[in-house]
Amino acid sequence: MRNKQLRGYDFHRQKPVDWFILDFFCPRLMLGIELDGITHHEDAVIAKDKIKEQRMNDLGITVLRFRDEEVYHHMNSVIREVEQFIDDFESNNVEGRN
């Protein structure tokens, strides 16, 4: 997400939403992106992540989660998944990016 954009959509880094902070958030897409590091394998953190994701869903926000190693070693796959979300969003919304 160079220049905080992907395909013309603005992504905000470390965006507060409700009482949580999303790693990345695009308000036009109602998309949150979470990057999960090593601590996200701990039971307490997994439980907090579930609560956070449920709250985001309740607010109409879809959350895509990626492990840090995916971002470091397979960035193209991560970007393709986000772009697929954008394609689906645009095909389901007549206005698309307008």
Protein backbone atom coordinates (compact mmCIF):
# COMPACT_ATOMS: atom_id res chain seq x y z
CA MET A 1 0.00 0.00 0.00
CA ARG A 2 2.33 2.59 -1.29
CA ASN A 3 1.47 6.17 -0.44
CA LYS A 4 -1.28 4.82 1.83
CA GLN A 5 -3.27 3.80 -1.27
CA LEU A 6 -4.16 0.70 -3.18
CA ARG A 7 -6.04 1.01 -6.46
CA GLY A 8 -7.10 4.52 -5.51
CA TYR A 9 -8.49 3.58 -2.10
CA ASP A 10 -7.03 5.33 0.94
CA PHE A 11 -5.85 3.17 3.81
CA HIS A 12 -5.21 4.67 7.24
CA ARG A 13 -2.52 3.10 9.42
CA GLN A 14 -3.18 2.44 13.12
CA LYS A 15 -6.73 3.75 12.83
CA PRO A 16 -8.86 3.94 15.99
CA VAL A 17 -12.29 2.42 15.40
CA ASP A 18 -14.64 2.24 18.36
CA TRP A 19 -12.41 1.19 21.27
CA PHE A 20 -9.96 -0.75 19.09
CA ILE A 21 -7.12 0.13 16.73
CA LEU A 22 -6.96 -1.47 13.30
CA ASP A 23 -3.54 -1.91 11.72
CA PHE A 24 -4.98 -0.58 8.45
CA PHE A 25 -8.46 0.72 7.66
CA CYS A 26 -10.15 1.87 4.46
CA PRO A 27 -13.42 3.66 5.25
CA ARG A 28 -14.73 3.58 1.65
CA LEU A 29 -14.33 -0.20 1.53
CA MET A 30 -15.24 -0.71 5.20
CA LEU A 31 -12.17 -2.94 5.28
CA GLY A 32 -9.80 -3.49 8.17
CA ILE A 33 -6.50 -5.27 7.76
CA GLU A 34 -4.83 -6.85 10.76
CA LEU A 35 -1.23 -8.06 10.82
CA ASP A 36 -0.70 -10.83 13.33
CA GLY A 37 2.72 -11.20 14.88
CA ILE A 38 4.05 -13.92 17.13
CA THR A 39 1.97 -12.84 20.13
CA HIS A 40 -1.22 -13.59 18.20
CA HIS A 41 -0.63 -17.30 18.85
CA GLU A 42 -1.23 -16.83 22.58
CA ASP A 43 -4.66 -17.83 23.90
CA ALA A 44 -5.36 -14.46 25.55
CA VAL A 45 -4.51 -12.55 22.37
CA ILE A 46 -6.56 -14.93 20.22
CA ALA A 47 -9.55 -14.27 22.48
CA LYS A 48 -9.06 -10.49 22.23
CA ASP A 49 -8.70 -10.74 18.44
CA LYS A 50 -12.02 -12.60 18.23
CA ILE A 51 -13.76 -9.91 20.27
CA LYS A 52 -12.19 -7.17 18.13
CA GLU A 53 -13.14 -8.87 14.87
CA GLN A 54 -16.71 -9.45 16.04
CA ARG A 55 -17.04 -5.78 17.00
CA MET A 56 -15.71 -4.71 13.61
CA ASN A 57 -18.20 -7.04 11.90
CA ASP A 58 -20.99 -5.54 14.03
CA LEU A 59 -19.94 -2.12 12.69
CA GLY A 60 -20.08 -3.42 9.11
CA ILE A 61 -16.30 -3.71 8.74
CA THR A 62 -14.77 -6.76 7.10
CA VAL A 63 -11.44 -7.78 8.61
CA LEU A 64 -8.70 -9.50 6.64
CA ARG A 65 -5.98 -11.04 8.80
CA PHE A 66 -2.45 -11.82 7.68
CA ARG A 67 0.43 -13.29 9.63
CA ASP A 68 3.62 -11.27 9.67
CA GLU A 69 5.48 -14.02 7.82
CA GLU A 70 2.93 -13.82 4.99
CA VAL A 71 3.63 -10.11 4.65
CA TYR A 72 7.41 -10.57 4.82
CA HIS A 73 7.68 -13.59 2.51
CA HIS A 74 4.57 -13.53 0.32
CA MET A 75 3.63 -9.87 -0.05
CA ASN A 76 2.33 -10.38 -3.59
CA SER A 77 -0.19 -12.94 -2.31
CA VAL A 78 -1.30 -10.56 0.43
CA ILE A 79 -1.79 -7.74 -2.08
CA ARG A 80 -3.68 -10.09 -4.41
CA GLU A 81 -6.07 -11.01 -1.59
CA VAL A 82 -6.74 -7.35 -0.82
CA GLU A 83 -7.21 -6.63 -4.53
CA GLN A 84 -9.66 -9.55 -4.74
CA PHE A 85 -11.64 -7.96 -1.92
CA ILE A 86 -11.65 -4.67 -3.87
CA ASP A 87 -12.79 -6.46 -7.06
CA ASP A 88 -15.63 -8.13 -5.15
CA PHE A 89 -16.56 -4.82 -3.50
CA GLU A 90 -16.65 -3.01 -6.84
CA SER A 91 -18.66 -5.73 -8.56
CA ASN A 92 -21.21 -5.66 -5.70
CA ASN A 93 -21.49 -1.87 -5.70
CA VAL A 94 -22.84 -0.19 -8.79
CA GLU A 95 -20.97 3.02 -8.01
CA GLY A 96 -17.67 1.24 -7.46
CA ARG A 97 -15.07 3.92 -6.80
CA ASN A 98 -17.29 6.82 -7.91
